[in-house]
Every structure is written in structure tokens, then in C-alpha cells.
N, C-alpha and C. Protein backbone atom coordinates (compact mmCIF):
# COMPACT_ATOMS: atom_id res chain seq x y z
N MET A 1 26.97 18.14 3.19
CA MET A 1 25.63 18.70 3.22
C MET A 1 25.19 19.15 1.83
N LYS A 2 26.13 19.76 1.09
CA LYS A 2 25.81 20.25 -0.25
C LYS A 2 25.49 19.07 -1.18
N LYS A 3 26.25 17.96 -1.04
CA LYS A 3 25.99 16.78 -1.85
C LYS A 3 24.61 16.20 -1.53
N LEU A 4 24.25 16.22 -0.27
CA LEU A 4 22.95 15.72 0.14
C LEU A 4 21.82 16.56 -0.46
N LEU A 5 22.00 17.87 -0.47
CA LEU A 5 21.01 18.78 -1.05
C LEU A 5 20.88 18.55 -2.56
N VAL A 6 21.99 18.36 -3.24
CA VAL A 6 21.96 18.10 -4.68
C VAL A 6 21.27 16.76 -4.96
N LEU A 7 21.60 15.75 -4.17
CA LEU A 7 20.99 14.44 -4.32
C LEU A 7 19.48 14.51 -4.07
N PHE A 8 19.08 15.21 -3.03
CA PHE A 8 17.67 15.39 -2.70
C PHE A 8 16.94 16.13 -3.83
N SER A 9 17.55 17.16 -4.38
CA SER A 9 16.95 17.92 -5.48
C SER A 9 16.79 17.04 -6.71
N ALA A 10 17.79 16.21 -6.99
CA ALA A 10 17.71 15.32 -8.14
C ALA A 10 16.60 14.30 -7.96
N LEU A 11 16.44 13.80 -6.75
CA LEU A 11 15.38 12.84 -6.45
C LEU A 11 14.00 13.48 -6.65
N ILE A 12 13.81 14.68 -6.17
CA ILE A 12 12.54 15.39 -6.34
C ILE A 12 12.26 15.62 -7.83
N LEU A 13 13.26 16.05 -8.58
CA LEU A 13 13.10 16.27 -10.02
C LEU A 13 12.71 14.97 -10.71
N ALA A 14 13.35 13.87 -10.36
CA ALA A 14 13.03 12.58 -10.96
C ALA A 14 11.59 12.17 -10.65
N LEU A 15 11.15 12.41 -9.44
CA LEU A 15 9.76 12.08 -9.07
C LEU A 15 8.77 12.92 -9.86
N VAL A 16 9.05 14.18 -10.01
CA VAL A 16 8.16 15.08 -10.76
C VAL A 16 8.09 14.65 -12.22
N LEU A 17 9.24 14.36 -12.82
CA LEU A 17 9.26 13.94 -14.22
C LEU A 17 8.56 12.60 -14.41
N THR A 18 8.74 11.67 -13.48
CA THR A 18 8.07 10.38 -13.56
C THR A 18 6.57 10.56 -13.42
N ALA A 19 6.13 11.40 -12.52
CA ALA A 19 4.69 11.62 -12.33
C ALA A 19 4.07 12.19 -13.58
N SER A 20 4.72 13.17 -14.23
CA SER A 20 4.14 13.75 -15.43
C SER A 20 4.22 12.78 -16.60
N ALA A 21 5.25 11.93 -16.63
CA ALA A 21 5.36 10.94 -17.69
C ALA A 21 4.27 9.88 -17.57
N ASN A 22 3.79 9.62 -16.35
CA ASN A 22 2.77 8.61 -16.13
C ASN A 22 1.36 9.18 -16.16
N ALA A 23 1.21 10.45 -16.46
CA ALA A 23 -0.12 11.06 -16.50
C ALA A 23 -0.94 10.42 -17.62
N ALA A 24 -2.22 10.30 -17.40
CA ALA A 24 -3.11 9.79 -18.44
C ALA A 24 -3.10 10.76 -19.61
N GLU A 25 -3.47 10.26 -20.78
CA GLU A 25 -3.50 11.12 -21.96
C GLU A 25 -4.78 11.94 -22.04
N VAL A 26 -5.75 11.61 -21.20
CA VAL A 26 -7.06 12.28 -21.23
C VAL A 26 -7.41 12.83 -19.85
N ALA A 27 -7.81 14.10 -19.83
CA ALA A 27 -8.38 14.71 -18.63
C ALA A 27 -9.89 14.72 -18.85
N LEU A 28 -10.64 14.33 -17.82
CA LEU A 28 -12.09 14.22 -17.94
C LEU A 28 -12.74 15.00 -16.80
N THR A 29 -13.68 15.87 -17.16
CA THR A 29 -14.40 16.64 -16.14
C THR A 29 -15.86 16.82 -16.53
N SER A 30 -16.63 17.24 -15.56
CA SER A 30 -18.03 17.58 -15.76
C SER A 30 -18.15 19.09 -15.84
N ILE A 31 -19.02 19.55 -16.69
CA ILE A 31 -19.40 20.96 -16.70
C ILE A 31 -20.90 20.98 -16.41
N GLY A 32 -21.26 21.32 -15.19
CA GLY A 32 -22.65 21.32 -14.77
C GLY A 32 -22.95 20.32 -13.66
N GLN A 33 -22.00 19.43 -13.39
CA GLN A 33 -22.04 18.50 -12.27
C GLN A 33 -23.16 17.46 -12.34
N SER A 34 -23.56 17.08 -13.56
CA SER A 34 -24.49 15.95 -13.68
C SER A 34 -23.67 14.66 -13.58
N SER A 35 -24.36 13.55 -13.49
CA SER A 35 -23.67 12.26 -13.40
C SER A 35 -23.20 11.76 -14.76
N ASP A 36 -23.46 12.51 -15.81
CA ASP A 36 -23.09 12.08 -17.16
C ASP A 36 -21.59 11.86 -17.33
N ALA A 37 -20.77 12.63 -16.65
CA ALA A 37 -19.32 12.46 -16.77
C ALA A 37 -18.90 11.09 -16.25
N MET A 38 -19.58 10.60 -15.24
CA MET A 38 -19.27 9.25 -14.73
C MET A 38 -19.60 8.19 -15.77
N MET A 39 -20.67 8.40 -16.53
CA MET A 39 -21.01 7.46 -17.60
C MET A 39 -19.93 7.45 -18.67
N VAL A 40 -19.41 8.63 -18.99
CA VAL A 40 -18.33 8.71 -19.98
C VAL A 40 -17.07 8.06 -19.42
N ARG A 41 -16.84 8.20 -18.14
CA ARG A 41 -15.69 7.54 -17.52
C ARG A 41 -15.79 6.02 -17.68
N VAL A 42 -16.99 5.48 -17.54
CA VAL A 42 -17.20 4.04 -17.75
C VAL A 42 -16.92 3.67 -19.21
N LEU A 43 -17.36 4.51 -20.14
CA LEU A 43 -17.06 4.26 -21.56
C LEU A 43 -15.55 4.22 -21.80
N MET A 44 -14.85 5.17 -21.18
CA MET A 44 -13.39 5.23 -21.34
C MET A 44 -12.75 3.94 -20.83
N LYS A 45 -13.20 3.49 -19.67
CA LYS A 45 -12.65 2.25 -19.11
C LYS A 45 -12.93 1.07 -20.03
N SER A 46 -14.13 1.03 -20.63
CA SER A 46 -14.46 -0.08 -21.54
C SER A 46 -13.59 -0.04 -22.80
N LEU A 47 -13.08 1.14 -23.15
CA LEU A 47 -12.16 1.28 -24.27
C LEU A 47 -10.72 0.95 -23.87
N GLY A 48 -10.50 0.78 -22.57
CA GLY A 48 -9.15 0.52 -22.08
C GLY A 48 -8.29 1.76 -22.02
N ILE A 49 -8.94 2.93 -21.99
CA ILE A 49 -8.22 4.21 -21.96
C ILE A 49 -8.42 4.83 -20.58
N SER A 50 -7.31 5.10 -19.90
CA SER A 50 -7.42 5.72 -18.58
C SER A 50 -7.56 7.23 -18.73
N SER A 51 -8.15 7.81 -17.72
CA SER A 51 -8.32 9.26 -17.74
C SER A 51 -8.04 9.82 -16.35
N ASP A 52 -7.63 11.04 -16.32
CA ASP A 52 -7.51 11.77 -15.06
C ASP A 52 -8.87 12.44 -14.86
N TYR A 53 -9.71 11.85 -14.01
CA TYR A 53 -11.06 12.34 -13.79
C TYR A 53 -11.13 13.19 -12.54
N ASP A 54 -11.74 14.36 -12.69
CA ASP A 54 -12.03 15.23 -11.56
C ASP A 54 -13.26 16.04 -11.93
N ALA A 55 -14.36 15.80 -11.24
CA ALA A 55 -15.63 16.48 -11.56
C ALA A 55 -15.50 17.99 -11.45
N VAL A 56 -14.64 18.46 -10.58
CA VAL A 56 -14.46 19.91 -10.40
C VAL A 56 -13.01 20.31 -10.74
N MET A 57 -12.50 19.72 -11.82
CA MET A 57 -11.14 19.98 -12.25
C MET A 57 -10.89 21.48 -12.41
N LYS A 58 -9.73 21.88 -12.00
CA LYS A 58 -9.27 23.25 -12.17
C LYS A 58 -8.13 23.24 -13.18
N PRO A 59 -7.72 24.39 -13.67
CA PRO A 59 -6.65 24.42 -14.68
C PRO A 59 -5.39 23.66 -14.27
N ASP A 60 -5.05 23.67 -12.98
CA ASP A 60 -3.83 22.96 -12.57
C ASP A 60 -3.98 21.44 -12.62
N GLY A 61 -5.18 20.95 -12.92
CA GLY A 61 -5.39 19.51 -13.12
C GLY A 61 -4.97 19.05 -14.50
N LEU A 62 -4.67 20.00 -15.37
CA LEU A 62 -4.20 19.67 -16.72
C LEU A 62 -2.68 19.57 -16.65
N THR A 63 -2.20 18.34 -16.62
CA THR A 63 -0.79 18.11 -16.35
C THR A 63 -0.14 17.21 -17.39
N GLY A 64 -0.19 17.61 -18.63
CA GLY A 64 0.48 16.85 -19.68
C GLY A 64 -0.43 15.96 -20.50
N GLN A 65 -1.73 15.99 -20.28
CA GLN A 65 -2.65 15.19 -21.09
C GLN A 65 -2.73 15.78 -22.49
N LYS A 66 -3.16 14.95 -23.45
CA LYS A 66 -3.32 15.39 -24.84
C LYS A 66 -4.72 15.95 -25.08
N VAL A 67 -5.70 15.41 -24.36
CA VAL A 67 -7.11 15.70 -24.64
C VAL A 67 -7.85 16.04 -23.35
N LEU A 68 -8.72 17.03 -23.44
CA LEU A 68 -9.67 17.34 -22.37
C LEU A 68 -11.04 16.93 -22.87
N ILE A 69 -11.73 16.09 -22.09
CA ILE A 69 -13.13 15.77 -22.38
C ILE A 69 -13.96 16.45 -21.31
N ALA A 70 -14.87 17.32 -21.76
CA ALA A 70 -15.78 18.02 -20.86
C ALA A 70 -17.19 17.53 -21.15
N VAL A 71 -17.81 16.91 -20.15
CA VAL A 71 -19.15 16.35 -20.31
C VAL A 71 -20.14 17.34 -19.72
N VAL A 72 -21.02 17.84 -20.59
CA VAL A 72 -21.93 18.92 -20.21
C VAL A 72 -23.30 18.38 -19.82
N GLY A 73 -23.73 18.78 -18.64
CA GLY A 73 -25.07 18.43 -18.16
C GLY A 73 -25.30 19.09 -16.82
N GLY A 74 -26.33 19.89 -16.72
CA GLY A 74 -26.59 20.62 -15.49
C GLY A 74 -27.39 19.82 -14.48
N SER A 75 -26.95 19.88 -13.23
CA SER A 75 -27.67 19.23 -12.14
C SER A 75 -27.61 20.14 -10.92
N SER A 76 -28.76 20.62 -10.49
CA SER A 76 -28.80 21.45 -9.28
C SER A 76 -28.29 20.68 -8.08
N LYS A 77 -28.67 19.41 -8.01
CA LYS A 77 -28.23 18.56 -6.91
C LYS A 77 -26.70 18.38 -6.95
N GLY A 78 -26.16 18.13 -8.13
CA GLY A 78 -24.72 17.96 -8.29
C GLY A 78 -23.95 19.23 -7.96
N LEU A 79 -24.49 20.37 -8.41
CA LEU A 79 -23.84 21.65 -8.08
C LEU A 79 -23.83 21.86 -6.58
N GLY A 80 -24.96 21.56 -5.93
CA GLY A 80 -25.04 21.72 -4.47
C GLY A 80 -24.06 20.82 -3.75
N ALA A 81 -23.95 19.57 -4.21
CA ALA A 81 -23.02 18.63 -3.58
C ALA A 81 -21.58 19.08 -3.75
N ALA A 82 -21.29 19.72 -4.89
CA ALA A 82 -19.93 20.22 -5.14
C ALA A 82 -19.69 21.56 -4.45
N GLY A 83 -20.75 22.14 -3.90
CA GLY A 83 -20.61 23.43 -3.21
C GLY A 83 -20.30 24.58 -4.17
N ILE A 84 -20.93 24.53 -5.34
CA ILE A 84 -20.66 25.53 -6.37
C ILE A 84 -21.99 25.98 -6.98
N ASN A 85 -22.06 27.23 -7.41
CA ASN A 85 -23.28 27.69 -8.08
C ASN A 85 -23.03 27.73 -9.59
N LYS A 86 -24.09 27.95 -10.36
CA LYS A 86 -23.97 27.87 -11.82
C LYS A 86 -22.98 28.89 -12.38
N ASP A 87 -22.96 30.10 -11.81
CA ASP A 87 -22.03 31.11 -12.31
C ASP A 87 -20.57 30.73 -12.06
N ASP A 88 -20.30 30.19 -10.87
CA ASP A 88 -18.94 29.74 -10.56
C ASP A 88 -18.56 28.53 -11.41
N GLU A 89 -19.53 27.68 -11.72
CA GLU A 89 -19.25 26.51 -12.57
C GLU A 89 -18.89 26.97 -13.98
N ILE A 90 -19.58 27.97 -14.49
CA ILE A 90 -19.23 28.51 -15.82
C ILE A 90 -17.83 29.11 -15.79
N LYS A 91 -17.51 29.85 -14.74
CA LYS A 91 -16.16 30.44 -14.62
C LYS A 91 -15.10 29.35 -14.54
N ARG A 92 -15.38 28.28 -13.78
CA ARG A 92 -14.43 27.17 -13.67
C ARG A 92 -14.22 26.53 -15.04
N GLY A 93 -15.33 26.29 -15.73
CA GLY A 93 -15.23 25.69 -17.06
C GLY A 93 -14.43 26.56 -18.01
N ASP A 94 -14.72 27.86 -18.03
CA ASP A 94 -13.96 28.77 -18.89
C ASP A 94 -12.46 28.71 -18.59
N ALA A 95 -12.12 28.69 -17.31
CA ALA A 95 -10.70 28.65 -16.92
C ALA A 95 -10.04 27.35 -17.37
N VAL A 96 -10.74 26.23 -17.23
CA VAL A 96 -10.18 24.95 -17.66
C VAL A 96 -10.04 24.92 -19.18
N PHE A 97 -11.06 25.38 -19.90
CA PHE A 97 -10.99 25.40 -21.36
C PHE A 97 -9.85 26.29 -21.85
N LYS A 98 -9.71 27.45 -21.27
CA LYS A 98 -8.63 28.37 -21.68
C LYS A 98 -7.27 27.78 -21.39
N ALA A 99 -7.12 27.11 -20.25
CA ALA A 99 -5.85 26.47 -19.92
C ALA A 99 -5.55 25.35 -20.92
N ALA A 100 -6.57 24.59 -21.28
CA ALA A 100 -6.39 23.51 -22.27
C ALA A 100 -5.96 24.08 -23.61
N GLN A 101 -6.57 25.18 -24.01
CA GLN A 101 -6.19 25.81 -25.28
C GLN A 101 -4.75 26.31 -25.22
N GLU A 102 -4.36 26.92 -24.11
CA GLU A 102 -2.99 27.41 -23.96
C GLU A 102 -1.99 26.27 -24.04
N LYS A 103 -2.38 25.08 -23.57
CA LYS A 103 -1.51 23.91 -23.59
C LYS A 103 -1.62 23.15 -24.92
N LYS A 104 -2.39 23.69 -25.85
CA LYS A 104 -2.58 23.08 -27.18
C LYS A 104 -3.21 21.69 -27.09
N MET A 105 -4.08 21.51 -26.10
CA MET A 105 -4.80 20.24 -25.96
C MET A 105 -6.00 20.24 -26.90
N ASN A 106 -6.40 19.06 -27.34
CA ASN A 106 -7.65 18.92 -28.08
C ASN A 106 -8.78 18.86 -27.07
N ILE A 107 -9.89 19.49 -27.40
CA ILE A 107 -11.03 19.55 -26.49
C ILE A 107 -12.24 18.87 -27.13
N ILE A 108 -12.73 17.86 -26.41
CA ILE A 108 -13.96 17.18 -26.82
C ILE A 108 -15.04 17.57 -25.82
N VAL A 109 -16.13 18.14 -26.32
CA VAL A 109 -17.28 18.42 -25.48
C VAL A 109 -18.31 17.35 -25.80
N MET A 110 -18.88 16.76 -24.75
CA MET A 110 -19.89 15.71 -24.93
C MET A 110 -21.17 16.09 -24.19
N HIS A 111 -22.29 15.78 -24.83
CA HIS A 111 -23.59 15.87 -24.14
C HIS A 111 -24.27 14.53 -24.39
N VAL A 112 -24.29 13.70 -23.36
CA VAL A 112 -24.83 12.35 -23.50
C VAL A 112 -26.18 12.17 -22.82
N GLY A 113 -26.73 13.24 -22.29
CA GLY A 113 -28.02 13.16 -21.61
C GLY A 113 -29.20 13.19 -22.55
N GLY A 114 -28.98 13.63 -23.77
CA GLY A 114 -30.06 13.67 -24.75
C GLY A 114 -31.12 14.71 -24.41
N GLU A 115 -32.23 14.61 -25.11
CA GLU A 115 -33.32 15.58 -24.95
C GLU A 115 -33.85 15.61 -23.52
N GLY A 116 -33.88 14.46 -22.87
CA GLY A 116 -34.42 14.36 -21.52
C GLY A 116 -33.60 15.10 -20.47
N ARG A 117 -32.34 15.35 -20.76
CA ARG A 117 -31.47 16.04 -19.79
C ARG A 117 -31.21 17.49 -20.20
N ARG A 118 -32.00 17.99 -21.13
CA ARG A 118 -31.88 19.39 -21.53
C ARG A 118 -32.82 20.22 -20.68
N GLY A 119 -32.50 21.48 -20.54
CA GLY A 119 -33.31 22.41 -19.77
C GLY A 119 -32.50 23.68 -19.62
N ALA A 120 -33.06 24.66 -18.94
CA ALA A 120 -32.40 25.96 -18.82
C ALA A 120 -31.01 25.86 -18.20
N LEU A 121 -30.85 25.05 -17.17
CA LEU A 121 -29.55 24.93 -16.52
C LEU A 121 -28.52 24.28 -17.44
N THR A 122 -28.88 23.17 -18.04
CA THR A 122 -27.96 22.50 -18.96
C THR A 122 -27.63 23.40 -20.14
N ASP A 123 -28.64 24.12 -20.65
CA ASP A 123 -28.40 25.00 -21.80
C ASP A 123 -27.40 26.11 -21.49
N LEU A 124 -27.38 26.59 -20.24
CA LEU A 124 -26.35 27.57 -19.86
C LEU A 124 -24.96 26.99 -20.04
N PHE A 125 -24.78 25.75 -19.61
CA PHE A 125 -23.48 25.10 -19.70
C PHE A 125 -23.13 24.73 -21.15
N ILE A 126 -24.14 24.36 -21.92
CA ILE A 126 -23.92 24.08 -23.35
C ILE A 126 -23.41 25.33 -24.04
N ASN A 127 -24.11 26.45 -23.83
CA ASN A 127 -23.72 27.71 -24.47
C ASN A 127 -22.33 28.18 -24.07
N SER A 128 -21.92 27.90 -22.84
CA SER A 128 -20.61 28.36 -22.41
C SER A 128 -19.49 27.39 -22.79
N SER A 129 -19.81 26.14 -23.06
CA SER A 129 -18.78 25.12 -23.29
C SER A 129 -18.52 24.80 -24.76
N VAL A 130 -19.57 24.63 -25.54
CA VAL A 130 -19.43 24.17 -26.92
C VAL A 130 -18.49 25.04 -27.76
N PRO A 131 -18.50 26.37 -27.62
CA PRO A 131 -17.59 27.16 -28.45
C PRO A 131 -16.10 26.83 -28.27
N TYR A 132 -15.73 26.18 -27.18
CA TYR A 132 -14.33 25.79 -26.95
C TYR A 132 -13.98 24.47 -27.63
N ALA A 133 -14.97 23.72 -28.10
CA ALA A 133 -14.75 22.36 -28.59
C ALA A 133 -13.98 22.31 -29.90
N ASN A 134 -13.12 21.29 -30.00
CA ASN A 134 -12.55 20.91 -31.30
C ASN A 134 -13.47 19.89 -31.96
N THR A 135 -14.16 19.11 -31.12
CA THR A 135 -15.14 18.12 -31.58
C THR A 135 -16.25 18.04 -30.55
N LEU A 136 -17.47 17.81 -31.04
CA LEU A 136 -18.64 17.65 -30.18
C LEU A 136 -19.23 16.27 -30.41
N ILE A 137 -19.53 15.56 -29.32
CA ILE A 137 -20.18 14.26 -29.42
C ILE A 137 -21.51 14.35 -28.66
N LEU A 138 -22.59 13.99 -29.37
CA LEU A 138 -23.96 14.08 -28.84
C LEU A 138 -24.69 12.77 -28.97
N VAL A 139 -25.68 12.56 -28.12
CA VAL A 139 -26.61 11.45 -28.35
C VAL A 139 -27.81 11.99 -29.13
N ASP A 140 -28.43 11.07 -29.87
CA ASP A 140 -29.59 11.46 -30.68
C ASP A 140 -30.64 12.14 -29.82
N GLY A 141 -31.28 13.13 -30.39
CA GLY A 141 -32.34 13.85 -29.69
C GLY A 141 -31.84 15.08 -28.94
N ALA A 142 -30.56 15.18 -28.70
CA ALA A 142 -30.03 16.31 -27.93
C ALA A 142 -30.14 17.63 -28.69
N ASN A 143 -30.19 17.54 -30.01
CA ASN A 143 -30.15 18.75 -30.83
C ASN A 143 -31.48 19.03 -31.53
N LYS A 144 -32.56 18.56 -30.97
CA LYS A 144 -33.86 18.75 -31.63
C LYS A 144 -34.19 20.23 -31.85
N ASP A 145 -33.76 21.08 -30.94
CA ASP A 145 -34.05 22.51 -31.08
C ASP A 145 -32.95 23.26 -31.85
N GLY A 146 -31.92 22.55 -32.28
CA GLY A 146 -30.87 23.17 -33.09
C GLY A 146 -29.82 23.96 -32.31
N ILE A 147 -29.83 23.88 -30.97
CA ILE A 147 -28.87 24.67 -30.18
C ILE A 147 -27.43 24.34 -30.55
N PHE A 148 -27.14 23.06 -30.76
CA PHE A 148 -25.77 22.67 -31.07
C PHE A 148 -25.37 23.13 -32.47
N ASP A 149 -26.32 23.10 -33.41
CA ASP A 149 -26.04 23.61 -34.76
C ASP A 149 -25.66 25.09 -34.69
N LYS A 150 -26.42 25.86 -33.91
CA LYS A 150 -26.16 27.31 -33.80
C LYS A 150 -24.76 27.58 -33.24
N LEU A 151 -24.29 26.70 -32.37
CA LEU A 151 -22.99 26.91 -31.72
C LEU A 151 -21.82 26.33 -32.52
N THR A 152 -22.06 25.27 -33.29
CA THR A 152 -20.95 24.62 -33.98
C THR A 152 -20.73 25.10 -35.41
N LYS A 153 -21.78 25.43 -36.11
CA LYS A 153 -21.64 25.80 -37.53
C LYS A 153 -20.75 27.02 -37.75
N PRO A 154 -20.91 28.11 -36.98
CA PRO A 154 -20.04 29.28 -37.23
C PRO A 154 -18.55 28.98 -37.03
N LYS A 155 -18.23 27.98 -36.23
CA LYS A 155 -16.82 27.66 -35.95
C LYS A 155 -16.38 26.37 -36.65
N ASN A 156 -17.27 25.79 -37.47
CA ASN A 156 -16.97 24.54 -38.17
C ASN A 156 -16.50 23.43 -37.22
N ILE A 157 -17.16 23.32 -36.09
CA ILE A 157 -16.82 22.27 -35.11
C ILE A 157 -17.48 20.97 -35.56
N PRO A 158 -16.70 19.92 -35.77
CA PRO A 158 -17.29 18.64 -36.18
C PRO A 158 -18.19 18.07 -35.08
N VAL A 159 -19.32 17.51 -35.51
CA VAL A 159 -20.29 16.92 -34.58
C VAL A 159 -20.43 15.44 -34.90
N LYS A 160 -20.26 14.61 -33.89
CA LYS A 160 -20.46 13.17 -34.02
C LYS A 160 -21.68 12.81 -33.17
N THR A 161 -22.51 11.91 -33.68
CA THR A 161 -23.70 11.53 -32.93
C THR A 161 -23.73 10.02 -32.69
N ALA A 162 -24.49 9.65 -31.68
CA ALA A 162 -24.68 8.25 -31.34
C ALA A 162 -26.11 8.06 -30.87
N ALA A 163 -26.62 6.85 -31.00
CA ALA A 163 -28.00 6.56 -30.63
C ALA A 163 -28.25 6.76 -29.14
N ASN A 164 -27.26 6.42 -28.31
CA ASN A 164 -27.41 6.52 -26.86
C ASN A 164 -26.03 6.58 -26.22
N VAL A 165 -25.99 6.59 -24.91
CA VAL A 165 -24.71 6.72 -24.21
C VAL A 165 -23.78 5.56 -24.56
N SER A 166 -24.29 4.35 -24.53
CA SER A 166 -23.45 3.19 -24.85
C SER A 166 -22.88 3.28 -26.26
N ALA A 167 -23.70 3.71 -27.20
CA ALA A 167 -23.26 3.82 -28.59
C ALA A 167 -22.27 4.96 -28.79
N ALA A 168 -22.16 5.86 -27.84
CA ALA A 168 -21.18 6.96 -27.94
C ALA A 168 -19.75 6.44 -27.84
N LYS A 169 -19.60 5.20 -27.46
CA LYS A 169 -18.27 4.58 -27.33
C LYS A 169 -17.52 4.62 -28.67
N GLU A 170 -18.20 4.30 -29.76
CA GLU A 170 -17.51 4.23 -31.06
C GLU A 170 -17.06 5.60 -31.57
N PRO A 171 -17.93 6.63 -31.58
CA PRO A 171 -17.40 7.92 -32.02
C PRO A 171 -16.33 8.46 -31.07
N LEU A 172 -16.45 8.18 -29.78
CA LEU A 172 -15.43 8.62 -28.83
C LEU A 172 -14.10 7.95 -29.14
N LYS A 173 -14.14 6.65 -29.38
CA LYS A 173 -12.92 5.91 -29.73
C LYS A 173 -12.27 6.48 -30.99
N ALA A 174 -13.08 6.75 -32.01
CA ALA A 174 -12.56 7.28 -33.27
C ALA A 174 -11.96 8.67 -33.10
N VAL A 175 -12.65 9.53 -32.37
CA VAL A 175 -12.14 10.90 -32.17
C VAL A 175 -10.85 10.86 -31.37
N LEU A 176 -10.81 10.06 -30.31
CA LEU A 176 -9.59 9.96 -29.51
C LEU A 176 -8.43 9.42 -30.34
N ALA A 177 -8.69 8.42 -31.17
CA ALA A 177 -7.64 7.86 -32.04
C ALA A 177 -7.11 8.96 -32.98
N GLY A 178 -8.03 9.79 -33.48
CA GLY A 178 -7.61 10.89 -34.35
C GLY A 178 -6.73 11.91 -33.64
N TYR A 179 -6.85 11.97 -32.33
CA TYR A 179 -6.01 12.85 -31.51
C TYR A 179 -4.80 12.13 -30.92
N GLY A 180 -4.58 10.88 -31.39
CA GLY A 180 -3.40 10.14 -30.96
C GLY A 180 -3.54 9.41 -29.64
N VAL A 181 -4.79 9.19 -29.18
CA VAL A 181 -5.01 8.49 -27.92
C VAL A 181 -5.63 7.13 -28.23
N THR A 182 -4.91 6.09 -27.88
CA THR A 182 -5.42 4.72 -28.01
C THR A 182 -5.10 3.98 -26.72
N LYS A 183 -5.43 2.71 -26.67
CA LYS A 183 -5.18 1.91 -25.46
C LYS A 183 -3.76 2.07 -24.98
């Protein structure tokens, strides 16, 4: 019986180690529950880079990845579908960002909705998320009012820009490569 218990324990340990060894190098989540994170997921797939995607990722979803990508964009409809309000979404984001920092993960914050997807709700999530970033990736027009400058300059957070969502593929690829994530 004791040998069986030891064998069973070894098998469980092997499964756990294999699962964490096979984890994607990138965790991907939405902050604000817009569909923008799904667009970034498509970009990741086109780069041949897999990600652990969870729109409502919690800190325990960070399981050995090198990079957290948080895509910021507020959607009342998305929040409602997720059964979460804006205050709880900010708390969830803070918890995920703090867990990523504790794990020494690199954090990329992206806003790919541009000027058309800005508004009071999205700006709440921008203000709560950008200060955690190691790098920020934006589409042109997103920073017309200077909100991202106000948040990144005091912390010297590098900002990469792209003409549109599709063009964000190249700065994303370069930033990920700089963090040791490639195909």
C-alpha cells in the first residue's frame, strides 16, 4: 500500500511538472472586457506564439509564463456578460498585475481600440492599468489627449505605436522577442 501511495504521488508530481513545463510563455487577458483582447489573440496566433488566454484571468492563472499582456478597453456589454462591474474589474486587474510583478513577469499593456474606443469607462481602465506596464503598445490616435504620456513619462515606460490593430503585430513581435518570447 505504501509503495502504491509513493507511486501515485510521483505520478501526480510528474503531471504537475509536465503541465507547468508546457504552459505558454504569454498570459493574455482583457482589462475592461472589450473584444480588443480577442484581436490581440489573433495577432499572437499570426505570429505563431501561443498564449494562455482568459478574459477574466485571476492571479492563479499566471502559471509560469514570462509575459502578461493586458489589453485595455472598456465595454459595458462585455462587463455585463462577464458578470462583473467596473470596480471589480479594476480590483481584478490590480490583483493580476501585482501577481505578475511578484513573479517577475514582464507586463505589456495594449490599447488597440484607438481614439474611437476611448471614453470614460476605458479611461478608468487605462488609468488603473498603464502604471503597471513595462511596455505600452498603442494604435495611432489613442493618445490624442495625452493620457498615455501623463501615465508613462513619470515611470519611463516605453511606448510603441502602430497605425492600426493589424500593424500592432510588428511592435508586439519585437517587444516579445526582447522579453525572450519567440515562436
